[in-house]
Protein backbone atom coordinates (compact mmCIF):
# COMPACT_ATOMS: atom_id res chain seq x y z
CA MET A 1 -277.36 188.93 -39.58
CA VAL A 2 -278.77 187.39 -42.75
CA LYS A 3 -280.36 183.94 -42.42
CA LEU A 4 -278.80 181.17 -44.51
CA SER A 5 -282.21 179.89 -45.69
CA GLU A 6 -283.19 183.37 -46.93
CA LEU A 7 -279.86 183.97 -48.65
CA GLN A 8 -279.99 180.54 -50.28
CA LYS A 9 -283.53 181.15 -51.57
CA PHE A 10 -282.47 184.52 -52.99
CA LEU A 11 -279.45 183.03 -54.77
CA VAL A 12 -281.47 180.14 -56.21
CA ASP A 13 -284.38 182.37 -57.30
CA LYS A 14 -281.99 184.72 -59.12
CA ALA A 15 -280.17 181.71 -60.65
CA ILE A 16 -276.92 183.00 -59.17
CA ILE A 17 -276.00 179.67 -57.51
CA PHE A 18 -278.26 176.63 -57.39
CA PRO A 19 -278.08 172.83 -56.90
CA THR A 20 -277.09 170.94 -60.03
CA ALA A 21 -279.66 168.91 -62.03
CA GLU A 22 -282.61 169.95 -59.87
CA MET A 23 -285.11 168.30 -62.23
CA TYR A 24 -283.62 164.94 -61.21
CA GLY A 25 -283.57 165.68 -57.50
CA SER A 26 -280.13 167.29 -57.53
CA PHE A 27 -276.96 165.76 -56.09
CA ALA A 28 -275.77 166.85 -52.62
CA GLY A 29 -272.58 168.89 -52.60
CA PHE A 30 -272.61 169.94 -56.26
CA PHE A 31 -273.74 173.36 -57.52
CA ASP A 32 -274.13 175.29 -60.76
CA TYR A 33 -273.52 179.00 -61.29
CA GLY A 34 -275.97 180.87 -63.51
CA PRO A 35 -275.29 183.94 -65.69
CA LEU A 36 -274.90 186.38 -62.78
CA GLY A 37 -273.02 183.94 -60.59
CA VAL A 38 -270.49 183.01 -63.24
CA GLU A 39 -269.80 186.68 -64.06
CA MET A 40 -269.19 187.44 -60.40
CA LYS A 41 -267.04 184.35 -59.96
CA ARG A 42 -264.97 185.21 -63.02
CA ALA A 43 -264.57 188.80 -61.78
CA VAL A 44 -263.34 187.63 -58.36
CA LYS A 45 -260.86 185.23 -59.94
CA ASN A 46 -259.62 187.94 -62.30
CA GLU A 47 -259.12 190.37 -59.42
CA TRP A 48 -257.22 187.69 -57.49
CA TRP A 49 -255.02 186.87 -60.50
CA ASN A 50 -254.30 190.54 -61.19
CA HIS A 51 -253.46 191.17 -57.53
CA PHE A 52 -251.32 188.12 -56.77
CA VAL A 53 -249.82 187.20 -60.16
CA ARG A 54 -249.84 190.05 -62.67
CA GLY A 55 -249.34 192.58 -59.90
CA ARG A 56 -246.15 190.88 -58.69
CA SER A 57 -242.76 190.33 -60.32
CA ASP A 58 -241.94 187.19 -58.29
CA THR A 59 -245.00 185.03 -59.06
CA VAL A 60 -246.06 183.07 -62.15
CA GLY A 61 -249.11 180.98 -62.94
CA MET A 62 -249.86 177.42 -64.00
CA ASP A 63 -252.86 175.18 -64.69
CA GLY A 64 -252.45 171.59 -63.53
CA SER A 65 -254.31 168.43 -64.48
CA ILE A 66 -257.31 167.34 -62.41
CA ILE A 67 -256.23 163.69 -62.70
CA THR A 68 -252.54 163.03 -62.17
CA HIS A 69 -250.27 160.10 -61.34
CA PRO A 70 -251.53 158.36 -58.17
CA LYS A 71 -248.02 158.32 -56.68
CA VAL A 72 -248.36 162.09 -56.23
CA TRP A 73 -251.04 161.40 -53.63
CA GLU A 74 -249.06 158.60 -52.03
CA ALA A 75 -246.07 160.91 -51.56
CA SER A 76 -248.19 163.74 -50.19
CA GLY A 77 -249.82 161.46 -47.60
CA HIS A 78 -253.34 161.76 -49.01
CA VAL A 79 -253.72 158.05 -49.81
CA ASP A 80 -252.95 157.06 -46.21
CA ALA A 81 -254.29 159.99 -44.23
CA PHE A 82 -256.88 162.00 -46.16
CA HIS A 83 -260.04 161.06 -44.32
CA ASP A 84 -262.73 162.32 -41.96
CA PRO A 85 -264.35 160.57 -38.98
CA LEU A 86 -267.69 158.99 -39.87
CA VAL A 87 -270.38 157.79 -37.50
CA GLU A 88 -273.36 155.70 -38.61
CA CYS A 89 -276.75 155.21 -37.01
CA LYS A 90 -277.69 151.52 -36.61
CA LYS A 91 -281.39 152.33 -36.77
CA CYS A 92 -281.83 154.63 -39.79
CA LYS A 93 -278.39 154.06 -41.40
CA THR A 94 -277.73 157.83 -41.60
CA ARG A 95 -274.03 158.61 -41.92
CA THR A 96 -272.73 161.76 -40.31
CA ARG A 97 -269.34 163.40 -40.00
CA ALA A 98 -268.52 162.67 -36.36
CA ASP A 99 -266.55 165.83 -35.59
CA HIS A 100 -269.41 167.96 -36.96
CA LEU A 101 -271.86 166.09 -34.73
CA ILE A 102 -269.68 166.99 -31.74
CA GLU A 103 -269.33 170.62 -32.81
CA ASP A 104 -273.09 171.00 -33.36
CA ARG A 105 -274.07 169.42 -30.04
CA LEU A 106 -271.22 170.41 -27.70
CA LYS A 107 -270.22 173.74 -29.33
CA ILE A 108 -266.52 172.92 -29.27
CA THR A 109 -263.95 172.65 -32.06
CA ALA A 110 -263.43 169.01 -33.03
CA GLU A 111 -261.88 169.22 -36.49
CA GLY A 112 -258.56 167.37 -36.58
CA MET A 113 -259.32 165.51 -33.36
CA GLU A 114 -257.98 161.94 -32.98
CA LEU A 115 -260.52 159.21 -33.73
CA LYS A 116 -260.31 157.76 -30.20
CA ASP A 117 -261.06 161.20 -28.71
CA VAL A 118 -264.04 161.61 -31.05
CA ALA A 119 -265.38 158.24 -29.95
CA THR A 120 -264.90 159.13 -26.27
CA LEU A 121 -266.84 162.41 -26.59
CA ILE A 122 -269.73 160.75 -28.44
CA ARG A 123 -269.93 158.04 -25.79
CA GLU A 124 -269.51 160.27 -22.72
CA HIS A 125 -272.14 162.78 -23.88
CA ASP A 126 -274.46 160.11 -25.29
CA LEU A 127 -274.80 161.95 -28.60
CA THR A 128 -277.69 160.85 -30.77
CA CYS A 129 -278.38 160.47 -34.48
CA PRO A 130 -279.14 163.92 -36.00
CA LYS A 131 -281.89 162.41 -38.16
CA CYS A 132 -283.87 159.94 -36.02
CA GLY A 133 -282.56 160.69 -32.51
CA SER A 134 -281.40 157.13 -31.86
CA HIS A 135 -278.69 156.58 -29.24
CA ASP A 136 -277.49 153.49 -31.10
CA LEU A 137 -274.49 154.79 -33.05
CA ILE A 138 -271.73 152.61 -34.50
CA ASP A 139 -268.26 153.55 -33.24
CA PRO A 140 -266.72 156.19 -35.54
CA ARG A 141 -264.34 155.14 -38.29
CA TYR A 142 -262.38 156.96 -40.94
CA PHE A 143 -263.95 157.64 -44.35
CA GLU A 144 -261.65 158.24 -47.34
CA LEU A 145 -262.28 161.60 -48.99
CA MET A 146 -260.62 161.21 -52.39
CA PHE A 147 -262.77 160.34 -55.40
CA SER A 148 -261.20 157.42 -57.25
CA THR A 149 -261.54 156.56 -60.92
CA GLU A 150 -259.96 154.20 -63.46
CA VAL A 151 -257.75 155.46 -66.27
CA GLY A 152 -257.68 153.80 -69.68
CA ALA A 153 -258.91 150.40 -70.81
CA VAL A 154 -256.94 148.40 -68.23
CA GLU A 155 -259.00 147.46 -65.18
CA GLY A 156 -257.53 148.36 -61.82
CA ASN A 157 -255.52 151.33 -63.12
CA ILE A 158 -256.71 153.48 -60.20
CA ALA A 159 -256.26 157.25 -60.12
CA TYR A 160 -257.86 160.07 -58.15
CA LEU A 161 -259.59 163.36 -58.77
CA ARG A 162 -257.32 165.87 -57.10
CA PRO A 163 -258.45 166.86 -53.58
CA GLU A 164 -256.39 170.08 -53.76
CA THR A 165 -254.41 172.09 -56.29
CA ALA A 166 -251.21 172.45 -54.25
CA GLN A 167 -249.49 169.14 -55.05
CA LEU A 168 -249.38 169.82 -58.80
CA ILE A 169 -247.43 172.98 -58.05
CA PHE A 170 -244.89 171.03 -56.00
CA VAL A 171 -244.27 168.33 -58.61
CA ASP A 172 -244.04 170.93 -61.40
CA PHE A 173 -241.88 173.30 -59.35
CA PRO A 174 -238.44 172.29 -60.79
CA ARG A 175 -239.55 172.71 -64.42
CA ILE A 176 -241.39 175.99 -63.84
CA TYR A 177 -238.62 177.43 -61.66
CA LYS A 178 -235.98 176.66 -64.30
CA ALA A 179 -238.07 177.84 -67.28
CA SER A 180 -238.95 181.08 -65.47
CA ARG A 181 -235.29 181.68 -64.55
CA GLY A 182 -236.53 181.90 -60.99
CA SER A 183 -234.78 182.99 -57.84
CA LEU A 184 -236.02 182.79 -54.27
CA PRO A 185 -238.47 183.97 -53.13
CA PHE A 186 -240.60 182.64 -55.97
CA GLY A 187 -244.36 182.04 -56.18
CA ILE A 188 -246.47 179.75 -58.35
CA ALA A 189 -250.22 180.42 -58.46
CA GLN A 190 -253.07 178.26 -59.70
CA ILE A 191 -256.86 178.50 -59.91
CA GLY A 192 -258.77 175.28 -60.42
CA LYS A 193 -261.28 172.66 -59.36
CA ALA A 194 -260.76 170.20 -56.53
CA PHE A 195 -262.93 167.32 -55.31
CA ARG A 196 -263.59 165.82 -51.89
CA ASN A 197 -266.14 163.13 -51.16
CA GLU A 198 -267.59 164.89 -48.14
CA ILE A 199 -269.57 162.70 -45.76
CA SER A 200 -272.24 165.31 -45.19
CA PRO A 201 -272.07 168.42 -47.41
CA ARG A 202 -273.83 171.33 -45.73
CA ASN A 203 -274.30 175.08 -45.48
CA PHE A 204 -274.92 175.50 -49.20
CA VAL A 205 -271.65 175.98 -51.14
CA PHE A 206 -269.57 176.31 -47.97
CA ARG A 207 -268.90 172.58 -47.77
CA ALA A 208 -269.32 170.98 -51.18
CA ARG A 209 -267.91 167.94 -52.96
CA GLU A 210 -266.76 169.89 -56.00
CA PHE A 211 -265.24 173.30 -55.42
CA GLU A 212 -262.67 175.73 -56.72
CA GLN A 213 -259.44 176.94 -55.15
CA MET A 214 -257.11 179.87 -55.72
CA GLU A 215 -253.72 178.95 -54.29
CA ILE A 216 -250.18 180.24 -54.19
CA GLU A 217 -247.17 178.19 -53.16
CA TYR A 218 -244.54 180.77 -52.29
CA PHE A 219 -241.04 179.27 -52.06
CA PHE A 220 -238.48 181.01 -49.84
CA ASN A 221 -235.30 180.51 -47.85
CA PRO A 222 -236.27 180.54 -44.15
CA GLU A 223 -232.83 181.96 -43.28
CA THR A 224 -233.52 185.04 -45.43
CA ARG A 225 -235.06 187.96 -43.55
CA ILE A 226 -237.97 189.80 -45.09
CA GLU A 227 -238.33 193.52 -44.58
CA LEU A 228 -241.92 194.12 -43.55
CA LYS A 229 -243.70 197.32 -44.47
CA PRO A 230 -245.42 198.85 -41.41
CA ASN A 231 -249.10 197.94 -41.38
CA ASP A 232 -251.08 199.60 -38.60
CA THR A 233 -254.39 198.22 -39.84
CA LYS A 234 -256.31 196.78 -36.89
CA VAL A 235 -257.98 193.42 -37.42
CA ASN A 236 -259.81 190.93 -35.24
CA VAL A 237 -257.23 188.37 -34.08
CA LEU A 238 -257.70 185.08 -32.23
CA THR A 239 -254.28 183.73 -31.30
CA ARG A 240 -253.40 180.20 -30.22
CA ASP A 241 -252.81 181.37 -26.64
CA ALA A 242 -256.18 183.15 -26.53
CA GLN A 243 -257.96 179.96 -27.63
CA ASP A 244 -256.12 177.90 -25.03
CA LYS A 245 -257.37 180.35 -22.39
CA GLY A 246 -260.93 180.35 -23.76
CA GLU A 247 -260.74 184.02 -24.78
CA SER A 248 -262.37 185.66 -27.80
CA HIS A 249 -260.72 187.61 -30.61
CA THR A 250 -259.34 191.09 -30.01
CA PRO A 251 -258.32 193.95 -32.37
CA LEU A 252 -254.57 193.99 -33.07
CA LYS A 253 -252.37 195.74 -35.61
CA ILE A 254 -251.21 193.44 -38.40
CA SER A 255 -247.62 194.52 -37.78
CA SER A 256 -247.88 193.33 -34.16
CA LEU A 257 -248.48 189.74 -35.29
CA VAL A 258 -244.70 189.25 -35.45
CA ASN A 259 -245.07 188.61 -31.71
CA PHE A 260 -247.05 185.45 -32.52
CA THR A 261 -245.66 184.08 -35.77
CA SER A 262 -242.89 184.45 -38.37
CA GLU A 263 -242.27 187.56 -40.45
CA TRP A 264 -243.00 185.59 -43.61
CA HIS A 265 -246.41 184.68 -42.21
CA VAL A 266 -247.15 188.29 -41.26
CA TYR A 267 -246.17 189.40 -44.77
CA TRP A 268 -248.73 187.07 -46.36
CA ILE A 269 -251.41 187.90 -43.80
CA SER A 270 -250.99 191.54 -44.79
CA GLU A 271 -251.10 190.75 -48.53
CA VAL A 272 -254.26 188.65 -48.17
CA TRP A 273 -255.95 191.25 -45.98
CA ASN A 274 -255.21 194.00 -48.52
CA PHE A 275 -256.86 191.93 -51.24
CA LEU A 276 -259.99 191.31 -49.17
CA MET A 277 -260.35 195.03 -48.52
CA LYS A 278 -259.85 195.71 -52.23
CA ILE A 279 -262.82 193.54 -53.23
CA GLY A 280 -265.05 195.05 -50.58
CA LEU A 281 -265.46 192.70 -47.59
CA ARG A 282 -266.33 194.43 -44.33
CA PRO A 283 -263.52 194.04 -41.76
CA GLU A 284 -265.92 193.69 -38.84
CA ASN A 285 -267.10 190.38 -40.34
CA LEU A 286 -263.56 189.00 -40.61
CA ARG A 287 -261.03 187.67 -38.15
CA LEU A 288 -257.61 186.03 -38.20
CA ARG A 289 -257.42 182.77 -36.26
CA GLN A 290 -254.21 180.92 -35.50
CA HIS A 291 -254.45 177.12 -35.45
CA THR A 292 -253.95 175.48 -32.08
CA LYS A 293 -251.12 172.96 -31.77
CA GLU A 294 -253.63 170.09 -31.69
CA GLU A 295 -255.19 171.00 -35.04
CA LEU A 296 -252.00 171.85 -36.96
CA SER A 297 -251.57 169.66 -40.04
CA HIS A 298 -248.60 167.29 -39.99
CA TYR A 299 -246.76 169.43 -42.57
CA ALA A 300 -247.43 172.83 -41.00
CA GLN A 301 -245.08 174.92 -38.87
CA ASP A 302 -247.93 177.37 -38.30
CA THR A 303 -251.30 178.10 -39.91
CA TRP A 304 -253.57 181.13 -39.78
CA ASP A 305 -257.11 181.21 -41.17
CA VAL A 306 -259.17 184.15 -42.30
CA ASP A 307 -262.56 183.38 -40.81
CA TYR A 308 -265.78 185.02 -41.97
CA LEU A 309 -268.89 185.48 -39.84
CA PHE A 310 -271.21 183.41 -42.01
CA PRO A 311 -274.93 183.05 -41.17
CA PHE A 312 -273.94 179.81 -39.39
CA GLY A 313 -271.04 181.31 -37.41
CA TRP A 314 -267.32 181.97 -37.72
CA LYS A 315 -265.86 179.60 -40.31
CA GLU A 316 -262.67 179.36 -42.36
CA MET A 317 -262.64 181.07 -45.74
CA ILE A 318 -258.88 181.27 -46.41
CA GLY A 319 -255.99 179.29 -44.96
CA MET A 320 -252.40 180.49 -44.78
CA ALA A 321 -250.02 177.65 -43.89
CA ASN A 322 -246.27 177.59 -43.47
CA ARG A 323 -245.64 174.15 -44.98
CA SER A 324 -241.87 174.24 -44.31
CA ASP A 325 -239.94 172.03 -46.78
CA PHE A 326 -242.19 169.02 -46.19
CA ASP A 327 -243.69 168.68 -49.68
CA LEU A 328 -240.54 169.05 -51.76
CA LYS A 329 -238.70 166.60 -49.51
CA GLN A 330 -241.54 164.08 -49.78
CA HIS A 331 -241.65 164.24 -53.57
CA ALA A 332 -237.84 164.07 -53.78
CA LYS A 333 -237.90 160.97 -51.58
CA HIS A 334 -240.66 159.19 -53.51
CA SER A 335 -239.60 160.18 -57.04
CA GLY A 336 -235.83 160.13 -56.68
CA ASP A 337 -235.61 163.52 -58.42
CA GLU A 338 -233.46 166.41 -57.23
CA LEU A 339 -235.78 169.15 -55.94
CA LYS A 340 -233.23 171.36 -54.22
CA VAL A 341 -232.47 174.78 -55.75
CA LEU A 342 -229.41 176.96 -55.58
CA ASP A 343 -229.84 180.01 -53.35
CA GLY A 344 -226.64 182.02 -53.14
CA ASP A 345 -223.87 179.44 -52.92
CA LYS A 346 -225.95 176.75 -51.22
CA LYS A 347 -228.46 174.18 -52.47
CA ILE A 348 -231.55 174.00 -50.29
CA TYR A 349 -235.08 172.69 -50.14
CA PRO A 350 -237.09 175.92 -50.10
CA TRP A 351 -239.78 176.37 -47.49
CA VAL A 352 -243.28 177.20 -48.63
CA MET A 353 -245.92 179.71 -47.55
CA GLU A 354 -249.34 178.75 -48.86
CA PRO A 355 -252.19 181.28 -49.04
CA SER A 356 -255.16 179.11 -50.10
CA PHE A 357 -258.52 180.67 -51.00
CA GLY A 358 -261.77 178.76 -51.33
CA VAL A 359 -263.40 180.50 -54.30
CA ASP A 360 -266.94 179.37 -53.49
CA ARG A 361 -266.56 180.27 -49.80
CA LEU A 362 -265.25 183.70 -50.78
CA ILE A 363 -268.19 184.20 -53.16
CA MET A 364 -270.59 183.17 -50.40
CA ALA A 365 -268.96 185.57 -47.95
CA LEU A 366 -269.15 188.45 -50.45
CA LEU A 367 -272.83 187.77 -51.11
CA SER A 368 -273.61 187.41 -47.39
CA ASP A 369 -271.76 190.67 -46.74
CA ALA A 370 -273.54 192.55 -49.50
CA TRP A 371 -277.14 191.35 -49.35
CA TYR A 372 -279.45 193.85 -47.72
CA ILE A 373 -283.22 194.19 -47.44
CA ASP A 374 -284.58 197.64 -46.70
CA LYS A 375 -287.53 196.59 -44.56
CA ASP A 376 -288.57 200.21 -44.07
CA SER A 377 -289.22 200.70 -47.79
CA LYS A 378 -292.70 200.02 -49.11
CA ASP A 379 -291.54 197.30 -51.50
CA LYS A 380 -288.90 195.79 -49.19
CA ARG A 381 -286.12 196.89 -51.55
CA GLN A 382 -283.40 194.25 -51.95
CA VAL A 383 -279.85 195.42 -52.60
CA LEU A 384 -276.59 193.59 -53.23
CA ARG A 385 -274.02 196.15 -52.13
CA LEU A 386 -271.18 194.58 -54.08
CA ASN A 387 -267.95 196.37 -54.88
CA PRO A 388 -268.14 197.54 -58.53
CA LYS A 389 -265.00 195.50 -59.31
CA ILE A 390 -266.82 192.22 -58.71
CA ALA A 391 -270.47 193.10 -59.46
CA PRO A 392 -271.91 190.71 -62.10
CA ILE A 393 -273.25 193.72 -63.99
CA GLN A 394 -271.48 197.05 -63.59
CA ILE A 395 -273.88 199.29 -65.46
CA GLY A 396 -277.49 199.09 -66.61
CA VAL A 397 -278.58 201.05 -69.68
CA PHE A 398 -282.23 202.08 -70.04
CA PRO A 399 -284.15 204.05 -72.66
CA LEU A 400 -286.93 206.00 -70.94
CA VAL A 401 -289.33 204.85 -73.68
CA ASN A 402 -288.85 202.68 -76.75
CA LYS A 403 -289.55 205.42 -79.29
CA GLU A 404 -288.53 208.88 -80.50
CA GLY A 405 -284.96 207.71 -81.00
CA MET A 406 -284.31 207.06 -77.29
CA ASP A 407 -284.07 203.29 -77.82
CA THR A 408 -281.62 203.71 -80.70
CA ALA A 409 -279.42 206.09 -78.70
CA ALA A 410 -279.55 203.82 -75.65
CA TRP A 411 -278.55 200.78 -77.69
CA GLU A 412 -275.56 202.62 -79.19
CA ILE A 413 -274.42 203.70 -75.72
CA TYR A 414 -274.85 200.14 -74.43
CA LEU A 415 -272.74 198.70 -77.25
CA GLU A 416 -269.94 201.17 -76.54
CA LEU A 417 -270.02 200.63 -72.75
CA SER A 418 -270.08 196.83 -73.11
CA LYS A 419 -266.59 197.00 -74.66
CA HIS A 420 -265.20 198.16 -71.33
CA PHE A 421 -267.71 197.12 -68.62
CA ARG A 422 -270.15 194.33 -67.80
CA ALA A 423 -273.23 196.11 -69.13
CA PHE A 424 -276.91 195.17 -69.36
CA TYR A 425 -279.61 196.65 -71.59
CA ASP A 426 -283.20 196.73 -70.30
CA SER A 427 -286.15 198.42 -71.97
CA LYS A 428 -289.05 196.62 -70.26
CA GLY A 429 -291.20 198.00 -67.44
CA SER A 430 -291.14 201.27 -65.56
CA ILE A 431 -287.82 202.95 -64.78
CA GLY A 432 -288.45 202.40 -61.07
CA ARG A 433 -288.88 198.65 -61.54
CA ARG A 434 -285.81 198.48 -63.74
CA TYR A 435 -283.80 200.22 -61.02
CA ARG A 436 -285.09 197.76 -58.41
CA ARG A 437 -284.16 194.76 -60.56
CA GLN A 438 -280.60 196.01 -60.93
CA ASP A 439 -280.33 196.90 -57.22
CA SER A 440 -281.23 193.33 -56.30
CA ILE A 441 -278.41 191.84 -58.40
CA GLY A 442 -275.75 194.34 -57.34
CA THR A 443 -275.48 196.69 -60.34
CA PRO A 444 -273.73 199.81 -58.97
CA TYR A 445 -274.81 202.24 -61.73
CA CYS A 446 -277.69 202.70 -64.12
CA ILE A 447 -278.08 205.31 -66.83
CA THR A 448 -281.33 206.46 -68.39
CA ILE A 449 -281.56 207.91 -71.88
CA ASP A 450 -284.44 210.38 -72.33
CA GLY A 451 -285.53 213.18 -74.66
CA ASP A 452 -282.87 215.57 -73.37
CA THR A 453 -280.16 213.05 -74.26
CA LEU A 454 -280.89 213.62 -77.95
CA LYS A 455 -280.54 217.38 -77.48
CA ASP A 456 -277.58 217.88 -75.14
CA LYS A 457 -275.79 214.50 -75.10
CA THR A 458 -276.44 213.97 -71.37
CA VAL A 459 -277.91 211.02 -69.46
CA THR A 460 -279.22 210.44 -65.94
CA LEU A 461 -276.71 208.47 -63.85
CA ARG A 462 -278.24 206.70 -60.86
CA GLU A 463 -276.09 205.25 -58.05
CA ARG A 464 -277.23 202.01 -56.40
CA ASP A 465 -276.52 202.52 -52.67
CA SER A 466 -277.50 206.18 -52.28
CA MET A 467 -280.08 206.15 -55.14
CA ASP A 468 -278.76 209.63 -56.05
CA GLN A 469 -279.36 210.75 -59.63
CA LYS A 470 -277.43 213.33 -61.62
CA ARG A 471 -277.05 214.47 -65.21
CA ILE A 472 -273.70 213.80 -66.81
CA LYS A 473 -272.30 213.97 -70.32
CA ILE A 474 -272.29 210.74 -72.31
CA ARG A 475 -268.55 211.05 -72.80
CA SER A 476 -268.10 211.13 -68.98
CA ILE A 477 -269.90 207.84 -68.22
CA GLY A 478 -266.84 205.60 -68.44
CA THR A 479 -264.67 207.93 -66.36
CA LYS A 480 -267.34 208.29 -63.68
CA ILE A 481 -267.80 204.52 -63.33
CA SER A 482 -264.07 203.80 -63.37
CA GLU A 483 -263.50 206.28 -60.51
CA SER A 484 -265.42 203.97 -58.17
CA PHE A 485 -263.10 201.05 -58.92
């Protein structure tokens, strides 16, 4: 298992992901993506969009505003109920998220716990300040998570940075549904930034104050049956009943999950799992976890998370909630607009399935999954074993030497390849060192142009994971790389 501190150092040193404005001491919970990080992030988002939007006939996309009318957040319940429990140390004034303090010290799940129960656990177990060790903690209280701002020149015109992307889909649903000539089931997808004023950001980009989401709100009639395709893929599953009994996860077929939840939920679990396999996550580091009744959100009929085994333990990466018709009814009630749609001969409030991906958490999981140090090699070779689809650079192009026409030929090949792939040209240092540099940032293929290239139009193709090298024709490079996608 990779250590978080080592992974974080690697990512910062390579300028893949790093704290923002480091020269000024940074700002907790905010991160920047460098050249490699932004290419990988864009690739992941493109794969997601192609899979869940362009690859489907029943889903369209949108891009909502980050600041919207504050009544949106009143209707959704965020203004009244979007908060986390905070505990403060009287001695050193350190503020800590109270449920995280409980989880760290008592090794139990406390997220979503009632404030009175949080206070009872802190008191009964005499939990201390994580910074100074003082026992003198102020009783926990709720801390509002939405960032507020003022709009325009009029003072007191309060608005909020959106804490999620979902609500914009709900309020735009009638217009998009009509303009798209939609019929149920019907999905609307969005990728965008969200903001939460976390009490104590931690675990690098896992819990940040500014982050990105990829979400689908999939509207359906709950009385309509869905015909599930058989899926015998076995995955690690932790059901609600298993958690109540204190049991651990167990391998189950995806199709068998109909014994624990609705067919619509199983359908989306299968779709999400297929995508994760497509981009290269290892199934042994993933599990499906059903929310217990105590932690279910007020709007949810049922929720399943995809957890990843991060360096700091099993944590949520993706949430899949059955939101019922809660959101559309709330916005209809608060706005006075008609949000029912005609399905067959009946007007209904559609129910909603919501697969919600944390982009930054997914990126962190992919990097944790892929980073490998060969401690048996003399130079402790570092490798990012990323799927070629999402690798920041897909092919490195090297002239053996910068003379005798090899550099000119290499540059021409690079220019042609860069039209179709994320390519990188490198002519500095020994070939061995150039290979190592590309291995460490996840480049799956490198080609070397040498004297023979000028004679027979062949190059040496070197594969990252196996380090195998073979001669291939220049005209075959694109086909060979594409085969691995």
